[in-house]
């Protein structure tokens, strides 16, 4: 059994060694990843034999593949061909930088190649490619295409900072892609509390919430109306208290006596009657979430949502011999009767209501 375990551990170690040197990537024809893995290993151990071998075999093949693919892309009629060429030249330059930062790898690849000039040339064309695609997406005049246009203009700006009106077009695309919800609050309780913070985690790019005052002052086009109604905290009049009685009997060792020259334990039977009390109290905070479509005036959501807080307390009284009790019962016997802190429970229930409303609204708008 030990020999089999040793063989298994040895096999695992060999597999890990093979993967960490880049051999697995090399065998799969992923020369780029094989080089990165080998270089990283040589940075940790400059004399690592397997990684030196993999690097020597993979580097030229990786550069040749990436450069050939870049040239083929440029010569093709494919969409975003310059963007794909950028990716290839960036990979060649990354290998160049990684090898230079690894003394062990620099000994194997003494003259790594770079393609910074070629990268600069294709970046401008790639920026134009992305920008024009963004314009075409904007012309389709849909929210989904506006989203796509935003990221295309962002790509153009990243490839060539300040390229044409890429920043202005990003702003316009984001505006066109944004779904806008105006929310109002109704406090149907006597408590001073707001549900506004429930919307903070939901606010994200392309999905914005506005107060009615903001929408009016900024003349914002509205898609949905969201109403949050806070109905207050519900307190039961009294906690529920249940009790149960248990009769206990246990043999306790109290000493020893000698019987026929041998010491035997002496037991004493102890008894007790235990009454266990369990007190529970549940507080709920209640709200209503209603979403209406502005164009159709149709109700999309009308949901009552609760947040709750639960309190529980247990204690024990007993008659008889304490030694008959279990350790847990003895600990509970040290407790005294207690009552819930209504204010703390209300605070917890309100926060849970906030979380539940936030989750419900987030799920509703997940696909927007």
Protein backbone atom coordinates (compact mmCIF):
# COMPACT_ATOMS: atom_id res chain seq x y z
CA UNK A 1 0.00 0.00 0.00
CA UNK A 2 2.83 2.40 0.89
CA UNK A 3 4.62 1.61 -2.38
CA UNK A 4 1.48 2.34 -4.40
CA UNK A 5 1.01 5.65 -2.56
CA UNK A 6 4.65 6.58 -3.21
CA UNK A 7 4.28 5.79 -6.92
CA UNK A 8 1.09 7.89 -7.08
CA UNK A 9 2.79 10.85 -5.40
CA UNK A 10 5.75 10.52 -7.76
CA UNK A 11 3.43 10.51 -10.77
CA UNK A 12 1.61 13.61 -9.52
CA UNK A 13 4.94 15.36 -8.96
CA UNK A 14 6.06 14.49 -12.49
CA UNK A 15 2.81 15.79 -13.94
CA UNK A 16 3.12 19.04 -11.99
CA UNK A 17 6.73 19.37 -13.08
CA UNK A 18 5.72 18.82 -16.68
CA UNK A 19 2.92 21.41 -16.53
CA UNK A 20 5.00 24.01 -14.67
CA UNK A 21 7.74 23.83 -17.31
CA UNK A 22 5.29 24.49 -20.18
CA UNK A 23 5.62 21.03 -21.68
CA UNK A 24 1.88 20.43 -21.74
CA UNK A 25 1.24 23.69 -23.64
CA UNK A 26 4.07 22.89 -26.05
CA UNK A 27 2.63 19.46 -26.84
CA UNK A 28 -0.75 21.07 -27.57
CA UNK A 29 0.85 23.52 -29.98
CA UNK A 30 0.27 26.53 -27.73
CA UNK A 31 3.82 27.85 -28.13
CA UNK A 32 2.97 31.29 -26.74
CA UNK A 33 1.72 29.86 -23.42
CA UNK A 34 4.61 27.38 -23.35
CA UNK A 35 7.08 30.29 -23.54
CA UNK A 36 5.34 32.26 -20.79
CA UNK A 37 5.23 29.25 -18.49
CA UNK A 38 8.88 28.37 -19.09
CA UNK A 39 10.01 31.98 -18.60
CA UNK A 40 8.11 32.25 -15.35
CA UNK A 41 9.67 29.01 -14.09
CA UNK A 42 13.15 30.19 -15.08
CA UNK A 43 12.57 33.42 -13.19
CA UNK A 44 12.19 31.29 -10.06
CA UNK A 45 14.88 28.76 -10.96
CA UNK A 46 17.28 29.93 -13.73
CA UNK A 47 18.81 26.44 -14.10
CA UNK A 48 15.55 24.51 -14.46
CA UNK A 49 16.49 22.02 -17.18
CA UNK A 50 13.06 21.17 -18.57
CA UNK A 51 12.02 24.84 -18.82
CA UNK A 52 15.25 25.74 -20.61
CA UNK A 53 14.53 23.01 -23.12
CA UNK A 54 10.88 24.03 -23.65
CA UNK A 55 11.83 27.71 -24.04
CA UNK A 56 14.44 26.86 -26.68
CA UNK A 57 11.93 24.78 -28.63
CA UNK A 58 8.93 27.13 -28.28
CA UNK A 59 10.11 30.72 -28.65
CA UNK A 60 10.88 30.86 -32.39
CA UNK A 61 7.73 28.87 -33.16
CA UNK A 62 5.62 31.24 -31.03
CA UNK A 63 6.98 34.38 -32.72
CA UNK A 64 6.63 32.88 -36.20
CA UNK A 65 3.03 31.82 -35.57
CA UNK A 66 1.98 35.18 -34.10
CA UNK A 67 3.68 37.23 -36.81
CA UNK A 68 2.36 35.10 -39.66
CA UNK A 69 -1.14 35.25 -38.25
CA UNK A 70 -0.90 39.06 -37.92
CA UNK A 71 0.15 39.41 -41.56
CA UNK A 72 -2.55 37.00 -42.71
CA UNK A 73 -5.18 38.96 -40.79
CA UNK A 74 -4.06 42.24 -42.38
CA UNK A 75 -4.16 40.70 -45.87
CA UNK A 76 -7.66 39.29 -45.30
CA UNK A 77 -11.11 40.85 -45.61
CA UNK A 78 -12.08 39.84 -42.08
CA UNK A 79 -13.87 42.24 -39.76
CA UNK A 80 -11.58 43.76 -37.10
CA UNK A 81 -8.52 42.35 -38.82
CA UNK A 82 -6.30 45.15 -37.51
CA UNK A 83 -7.55 44.57 -33.96
CA UNK A 84 -6.51 40.94 -34.23
CA UNK A 85 -3.13 41.98 -35.61
CA UNK A 86 -2.72 44.28 -32.60
CA UNK A 87 -3.33 41.33 -30.27
CA UNK A 88 -0.63 39.28 -32.03
CA UNK A 89 1.99 42.05 -31.99
CA UNK A 90 1.22 42.79 -28.35
CA UNK A 91 1.85 39.11 -27.53
CA UNK A 92 5.22 39.20 -29.34
CA UNK A 93 6.19 42.31 -27.38
CA UNK A 94 5.04 40.75 -24.12
CA UNK A 95 7.31 37.74 -24.73
CA UNK A 96 10.15 40.20 -25.42
CA UNK A 97 9.58 42.01 -22.11
CA UNK A 98 9.12 38.82 -20.10
CA UNK A 99 12.35 37.26 -21.40
CA UNK A 100 14.29 40.44 -20.67
CA UNK A 101 13.03 40.35 -17.07
CA UNK A 102 14.15 36.75 -16.59
CA UNK A 103 17.95 36.22 -16.30
CA UNK A 104 17.49 32.49 -16.79
CA UNK A 105 15.42 32.96 -19.95
CA UNK A 106 17.81 35.63 -21.32
CA UNK A 107 20.60 33.06 -21.36
CA UNK A 108 18.55 30.85 -23.69
CA UNK A 109 17.00 33.56 -25.87
CA UNK A 110 19.82 36.08 -26.13
CA UNK A 111 18.18 38.28 -28.76
CA UNK A 112 14.38 38.31 -28.34
CA UNK A 113 12.49 40.13 -31.07
CA UNK A 114 10.05 42.99 -30.63
CA UNK A 115 7.44 44.46 -32.94
CA UNK A 116 6.78 47.88 -31.39
CA UNK A 117 6.99 49.72 -34.72
CA UNK A 118 4.55 47.33 -36.38
CA UNK A 119 2.25 47.59 -33.37
CA UNK A 120 2.15 51.39 -33.59
CA UNK A 121 1.27 51.20 -37.27
CA UNK A 122 -1.64 48.79 -36.87
CA UNK A 123 -3.01 50.45 -33.74
CA UNK A 124 -4.07 53.51 -35.70
CA UNK A 125 -5.85 51.37 -38.25
CA UNK A 126 -7.41 49.26 -35.51
CA UNK A 127 -8.69 52.45 -33.84
CA UNK A 128 -10.30 53.51 -37.13
CA UNK A 129 -11.78 50.01 -37.48
CA UNK A 130 -13.38 50.15 -34.02
CA UNK A 131 -14.53 53.76 -34.44
CA UNK A 132 -16.29 53.09 -37.75
CA UNK A 133 -17.92 49.96 -36.33
CA UNK A 134 -19.14 52.10 -33.43
CA UNK A 135 -20.70 54.61 -35.84
CA UNK A 136 -22.49 51.80 -37.69
CA UNK A 137 -23.79 50.40 -34.40
CA UNK A 138 -25.11 53.84 -33.37
CA UNK A 139 -27.00 54.16 -36.65
CA UNK A 140 -29.06 51.07 -35.77
CA UNK A 141 -30.62 53.15 -33.00
CA UNK A 142 -31.25 50.38 -30.48
CA UNK A 143 -30.19 50.26 -26.85
CA UNK A 144 -28.25 47.02 -27.37
CA UNK A 145 -26.34 48.51 -30.30
CA UNK A 146 -25.65 51.67 -28.31
CA UNK A 147 -24.03 49.52 -25.64
CA UNK A 148 -21.93 47.82 -28.28
CA UNK A 149 -21.00 51.19 -29.76
CA UNK A 150 -19.84 52.45 -26.37
CA UNK A 151 -17.29 49.67 -26.04
CA UNK A 152 -16.17 50.05 -29.66
CA UNK A 153 -15.50 53.76 -29.12
CA UNK A 154 -13.73 52.86 -25.87
CA UNK A 155 -11.52 50.45 -27.82
CA UNK A 156 -10.71 53.18 -30.33
CA UNK A 157 -9.77 55.56 -27.53
CA UNK A 158 -7.59 52.91 -25.88
CA UNK A 159 -5.83 52.03 -29.15
CA UNK A 160 -5.22 55.65 -30.12
CA UNK A 161 -5.90 58.14 -27.30
CA UNK A 162 -7.83 61.14 -28.60
CA UNK A 163 -8.75 59.40 -31.84
CA UNK A 164 -11.25 61.65 -33.65
CA UNK A 165 -14.34 62.18 -31.43
CA UNK A 166 -14.08 58.82 -29.64
CA UNK A 167 -14.56 60.37 -26.18
CA UNK A 168 -17.60 62.39 -27.27
CA UNK A 169 -19.06 59.38 -29.04
CA UNK A 170 -18.52 57.22 -25.95
CA UNK A 171 -20.53 59.77 -23.95
CA UNK A 172 -23.34 59.82 -26.52
CA UNK A 173 -23.42 56.01 -26.81
CA UNK A 174 -23.57 55.63 -23.02
CA UNK A 175 -26.44 58.14 -22.89
CA UNK A 176 -28.36 56.26 -25.60
CA UNK A 177 -27.72 52.90 -23.92
CA UNK A 178 -28.75 53.96 -20.42
CA UNK A 179 -32.06 52.71 -19.04
CA UNK A 180 -33.56 55.30 -16.68
CA UNK A 181 -35.81 54.69 -13.69
CA UNK A 182 -37.45 57.43 -11.63
CA UNK A 183 -38.25 56.36 -8.10
CA UNK A 184 -40.55 57.78 -5.45
CA UNK A 185 -40.87 56.86 -1.79
CA UNK A 186 -43.97 56.57 0.33
CA UNK A 187 -43.61 56.22 4.09
CA UNK A 188 -46.83 54.66 5.32
CA UNK A 189 -45.51 54.38 8.88
CA UNK A 190 -44.83 56.75 11.75
CA UNK A 191 -41.15 55.88 11.67
CA UNK A 192 -38.40 58.11 10.30
CA UNK A 193 -36.94 55.69 7.77
CA UNK A 194 -36.04 55.65 4.06
CA UNK A 195 -35.64 52.78 1.61
CA UNK A 196 -33.45 54.81 -0.76
CA UNK A 197 -30.27 52.94 0.16
CA UNK A 198 -31.78 49.75 -1.30
CA UNK A 199 -31.11 51.15 -4.78
CA UNK A 200 -27.42 51.94 -4.26
CA UNK A 201 -26.13 48.43 -5.13
CA UNK A 202 -28.45 48.29 -8.19
CA UNK A 203 -27.11 51.49 -9.80
CA UNK A 204 -24.61 50.57 -12.47
CA UNK A 205 -23.46 51.54 -15.94
CA UNK A 206 -26.36 51.68 -18.40
CA UNK A 207 -28.89 51.51 -15.53
CA UNK A 208 -29.56 54.69 -13.53
CA UNK A 209 -32.05 55.65 -10.83
CA UNK A 210 -33.23 59.22 -10.36
CA UNK A 211 -35.46 61.00 -7.92
CA UNK A 212 -38.49 62.68 -9.42
CA UNK A 213 -36.92 66.08 -8.72
CA UNK A 214 -33.73 65.09 -10.58
CA UNK A 215 -35.67 63.80 -13.56
CA UNK A 216 -37.65 67.02 -13.83
CA UNK A 217 -34.73 69.41 -13.33
CA UNK A 218 -32.49 67.55 -15.80
CA UNK A 219 -35.31 66.80 -18.27
CA UNK A 220 -34.43 63.10 -18.20
CA UNK A 221 -36.33 60.68 -20.48
CA UNK A 222 -37.86 58.07 -18.19
CA UNK A 223 -38.37 54.38 -18.99
CA UNK A 224 -39.77 53.03 -15.72
CA UNK A 225 -41.31 54.43 -12.57
CA UNK A 226 -40.40 52.67 -9.33
CA UNK A 227 -42.35 53.24 -6.14
CA UNK A 228 -40.97 52.12 -2.79
CA UNK A 229 -43.50 51.95 0.02
CA UNK A 230 -42.32 51.52 3.61
CA UNK A 231 -45.12 50.14 5.80
CA UNK A 232 -43.17 49.93 9.07
CA UNK A 233 -42.08 47.35 11.61
CA UNK A 234 -44.53 44.81 13.02
CA UNK A 235 -44.01 43.90 16.69
CA UNK A 236 -45.88 40.93 18.16
CA UNK A 237 -47.36 41.88 21.52
CA UNK A 238 -45.39 39.33 23.51
CA UNK A 239 -42.74 36.70 22.82
CA UNK A 240 -43.87 33.08 22.65
CA UNK A 241 -42.59 31.00 25.54
CA UNK A 242 -42.61 27.22 25.58
CA UNK A 243 -41.43 24.87 28.30
CA UNK A 244 -40.83 21.19 28.75
CA UNK A 245 -40.12 19.09 31.82
CA UNK A 246 -37.71 16.20 32.01
CA UNK A 247 -36.95 13.83 34.88
CA UNK A 248 -33.32 12.85 35.07
CA UNK A 249 -31.63 9.97 36.83
CA UNK A 250 -27.91 9.23 36.76
CA UNK A 251 -25.40 7.00 38.54
CA UNK A 252 -22.50 9.08 39.85
CA UNK A 253 -19.23 7.61 41.05
CA UNK A 254 -18.69 8.80 44.63
CA UNK A 255 -15.76 6.65 45.72
CA UNK A 256 -14.21 3.17 45.80
CA UNK A 257 -14.32 0.13 48.06
CA UNK A 258 -12.24 -2.99 48.32
CA UNK A 259 -13.93 -6.24 47.35
CA UNK A 260 -11.95 -9.49 47.48
CA UNK A 261 -8.72 -7.54 47.44
CA UNK A 262 -9.75 -5.41 44.47
CA UNK A 263 -10.92 -1.81 44.38
CA UNK A 264 -14.40 -1.40 42.96
CA UNK A 265 -16.18 1.92 42.18
CA UNK A 266 -19.03 3.04 44.41
CA UNK A 267 -21.98 4.74 42.67
CA UNK A 268 -24.75 6.91 44.01
CA UNK A 269 -28.00 7.42 42.15
CA UNK A 270 -28.86 11.13 41.77
CA UNK A 271 -32.13 12.56 40.52
CA UNK A 272 -33.39 15.90 39.28
CA UNK A 273 -36.35 17.38 37.51
CA UNK A 274 -35.46 19.93 34.82
CA UNK A 275 -37.77 22.48 33.22
CA UNK A 276 -36.40 23.98 29.98
CA UNK A 277 -37.85 27.29 28.76
CA UNK A 278 -37.55 28.51 25.17
CA UNK A 279 -38.60 32.06 24.34
CA UNK A 280 -38.89 33.25 20.71
CA UNK A 281 -39.67 36.61 19.20
CA UNK A 282 -39.88 37.60 15.52
CA UNK A 283 -40.04 41.15 14.24
CA UNK A 284 -40.82 41.98 10.60
CA UNK A 285 -40.34 45.13 8.54
CA UNK A 286 -42.63 45.39 5.54
CA UNK A 287 -42.39 47.22 2.22
CA UNK A 288 -43.95 47.18 -1.23
CA UNK A 289 -42.07 47.52 -4.53
CA UNK A 290 -44.01 48.57 -7.62
CA UNK A 291 -42.53 49.06 -11.10
CA UNK A 292 -44.53 50.66 -13.92
CA UNK A 293 -43.61 50.98 -17.60
CA UNK A 294 -43.93 54.64 -18.62
CA UNK A 295 -44.92 54.02 -22.25
CA UNK A 296 -47.56 51.36 -21.67
CA UNK A 297 -48.51 52.32 -18.09
CA UNK A 298 -48.46 48.59 -17.39
CA UNK A 299 -47.48 47.26 -13.98
CA UNK A 300 -44.36 45.13 -14.24
CA UNK A 301 -43.91 44.37 -10.55
CA UNK A 302 -46.09 44.73 -7.47
CA UNK A 303 -44.42 42.84 -4.68
CA UNK A 304 -44.73 42.87 -0.91
CA UNK A 305 -41.32 42.31 0.63
CA UNK A 306 -40.39 41.62 4.24
CA UNK A 307 -37.28 41.77 6.33
CA UNK A 308 -37.21 39.90 9.59
CA UNK A 309 -35.20 39.58 12.77
CA UNK A 310 -35.47 36.56 15.05
CA UNK A 311 -34.58 36.40 18.72
CA UNK A 312 -34.42 33.24 20.80
CA UNK A 313 -33.49 32.62 24.43
CA UNK A 314 -33.32 29.44 26.44
CA UNK A 315 -32.85 28.85 30.15
CA UNK A 316 -33.33 26.07 32.69
CA UNK A 317 -34.68 25.68 36.22
CA UNK A 318 -34.41 22.47 38.18
CA UNK A 319 -35.12 20.76 41.46
CA UNK A 320 -33.06 17.95 42.91
CA UNK A 321 -29.38 17.14 42.51
CA UNK A 322 -27.46 19.32 40.05
CA UNK A 323 -25.14 16.44 39.28
CA UNK A 324 -27.92 14.72 37.33
CA UNK A 325 -27.85 17.55 34.76
CA UNK A 326 -25.87 17.50 31.53
CA UNK A 327 -23.13 20.08 30.96
CA UNK A 328 -25.42 22.05 28.65
CA UNK A 329 -28.25 22.00 31.18
CA UNK A 330 -25.93 23.24 33.91
CA UNK A 331 -24.84 26.14 31.68
CA UNK A 332 -28.44 27.01 30.87
CA UNK A 333 -29.28 26.88 34.58
CA UNK A 334 -26.87 29.80 35.10
CA UNK A 335 -29.01 31.94 32.82
CA UNK A 336 -31.89 34.08 33.92
CA UNK A 337 -35.15 34.85 32.19
CA UNK A 338 -34.59 37.48 29.47
CA UNK A 339 -36.59 39.70 27.11
CA UNK A 340 -35.80 40.82 23.58
CA UNK A 341 -34.38 44.23 22.71
CA UNK A 342 -37.13 45.55 20.43
CA UNK A 343 -35.07 48.46 19.09
CA UNK A 344 -32.17 46.23 18.01
CA UNK A 345 -34.53 43.75 16.40
CA UNK A 346 -36.29 46.55 14.52
CA UNK A 347 -32.94 47.83 13.26
CA UNK A 348 -32.00 44.35 12.04
CA UNK A 349 -35.39 43.81 10.37
CA UNK A 350 -35.18 47.13 8.53
CA UNK A 351 -31.69 46.32 7.24
CA UNK A 352 -32.90 42.91 6.08
CA UNK A 353 -35.79 44.64 4.30
CA UNK A 354 -33.30 46.94 2.56
CA UNK A 355 -31.24 43.91 1.46
CA UNK A 356 -34.29 42.01 0.22
CA UNK A 357 -35.63 44.96 -1.78
CA UNK A 358 -32.19 45.53 -3.27
CA UNK A 359 -31.97 41.86 -4.26
CA UNK A 360 -35.46 41.85 -5.76
CA UNK A 361 -34.87 45.00 -7.85
CA UNK A 362 -31.42 43.74 -8.91
CA UNK A 363 -32.88 40.47 -10.16
CA UNK A 364 -35.63 42.31 -12.04
CA UNK A 365 -33.14 44.55 -13.85
CA UNK A 366 -30.42 41.92 -14.32
CA UNK A 367 -31.04 41.69 -18.05
CA UNK A 368 -31.38 45.43 -18.67
